[in-house]
Amino acid sequence: MSKDYKSKPDDRSDNVEKLQSMVQDTIENIEEAHETMKFSSEEEKQKIQEKNKRREQSIKGMRAEIKDEYNYNND
């Protein structure tokens, strides 16, 4: 017995807003991590710094994707 599944159409209309929200959340996480570092051991500070570097790279990628999505939706 097989089921027929229909794929959903590609709805990219709100991707820019979703990505902008993700960027904002990530920035807030970086800021919170900076506050946490004030009370952390040296080892924990190092881990937080490394994680924040990864977060910053993610933000760069999301911002590039925002530009792509904006261009896609406005062509």
Protein backbone atom coordinates (compact mmCIF):
# COMPACT_ATOMS: atom_id res chain seq x y z
CA MET A 1 0.00 0.00 0.00
CA SER A 2 1.76 3.15 -1.14
CA LYS A 3 0.75 6.65 -0.34
CA ASP A 4 0.91 9.45 -2.83
CA TYR A 5 2.67 12.40 -1.31
CA LYS A 6 2.70 15.71 -3.09
CA SER A 7 5.71 17.87 -2.55
CA LYS A 8 5.04 21.33 -1.26
CA PRO A 9 5.82 24.19 -3.60
CA ASP A 10 9.00 26.10 -2.84
CA ASP A 11 7.76 29.05 -0.77
CA ARG A 12 10.68 31.40 -0.29
CA SER A 13 8.59 34.47 0.41
CA ASP A 14 9.50 34.71 4.09
CA ASN A 15 13.05 33.36 4.02
CA VAL A 16 14.61 36.82 4.38
CA GLU A 17 12.61 37.49 7.55
CA LYS A 18 13.45 34.07 8.98
CA LEU A 19 17.14 34.53 8.25
CA GLN A 20 17.16 38.02 9.75
CA SER A 21 15.58 36.60 12.90
CA MET A 22 18.22 33.87 13.03
CA VAL A 23 21.00 36.47 12.68
CA GLN A 24 19.51 38.50 15.52
CA ASP A 25 19.21 35.41 17.74
CA THR A 26 22.83 34.50 17.03
CA ILE A 27 24.02 38.02 17.86
CA GLU A 28 22.13 37.82 21.15
CA ASN A 29 23.80 34.48 21.89
CA ILE A 30 27.22 36.04 21.27
CA GLU A 31 26.39 38.90 23.63
CA GLU A 32 25.16 36.52 26.32
CA ALA A 33 28.31 34.44 25.92
CA HIS A 34 30.43 37.57 26.49
CA GLU A 35 28.57 38.14 29.76
CA THR A 36 29.10 34.51 30.77
CA MET A 37 32.84 34.83 30.13
CA LYS A 38 33.10 37.28 33.04
CA PHE A 39 32.43 34.40 35.44
CA SER A 40 34.18 31.59 33.57
CA SER A 41 37.45 29.76 33.98
CA GLU A 42 40.17 30.22 31.38
CA GLU A 43 39.27 26.89 29.78
CA GLU A 44 35.59 27.85 29.56
CA LYS A 45 36.52 31.27 28.14
CA GLN A 46 38.51 29.58 25.39
CA LYS A 47 35.57 27.34 24.50
CA ILE A 48 33.21 30.32 24.46
CA GLN A 49 35.56 32.29 22.22
CA GLU A 50 35.79 29.37 19.79
CA LYS A 51 32.02 28.99 19.75
CA ASN A 52 31.56 32.71 19.15
CA LYS A 53 33.95 32.51 16.19
CA ARG A 54 31.75 29.78 14.72
CA ARG A 55 28.69 31.92 15.41
CA GLU A 56 30.29 34.86 13.59
CA GLN A 57 31.00 32.64 10.61
CA SER A 58 27.37 31.50 10.65
CA ILE A 59 26.22 35.11 10.67
CA LYS A 60 28.36 35.84 7.60
CA GLY A 61 26.80 32.89 5.82
CA MET A 62 23.28 33.87 6.80
CA ARG A 63 23.84 37.45 5.64
CA ALA A 64 25.06 36.18 2.27
CA GLU A 65 21.98 33.99 2.06
CA ILE A 66 19.77 36.98 2.95
CA LYS A 67 21.25 38.87 0.00
CA ASP A 68 20.64 35.89 -2.29
CA GLU A 69 17.06 35.53 -1.12
CA TYR A 70 16.41 39.25 -1.42
CA ASN A 71 17.74 39.25 -4.98
CA TYR A 72 15.69 36.14 -5.82
CA ASN A 73 12.48 37.72 -4.51
CA ASN A 74 13.09 41.09 -6.19
CA ASP A 75 14.10 40.01 -9.68
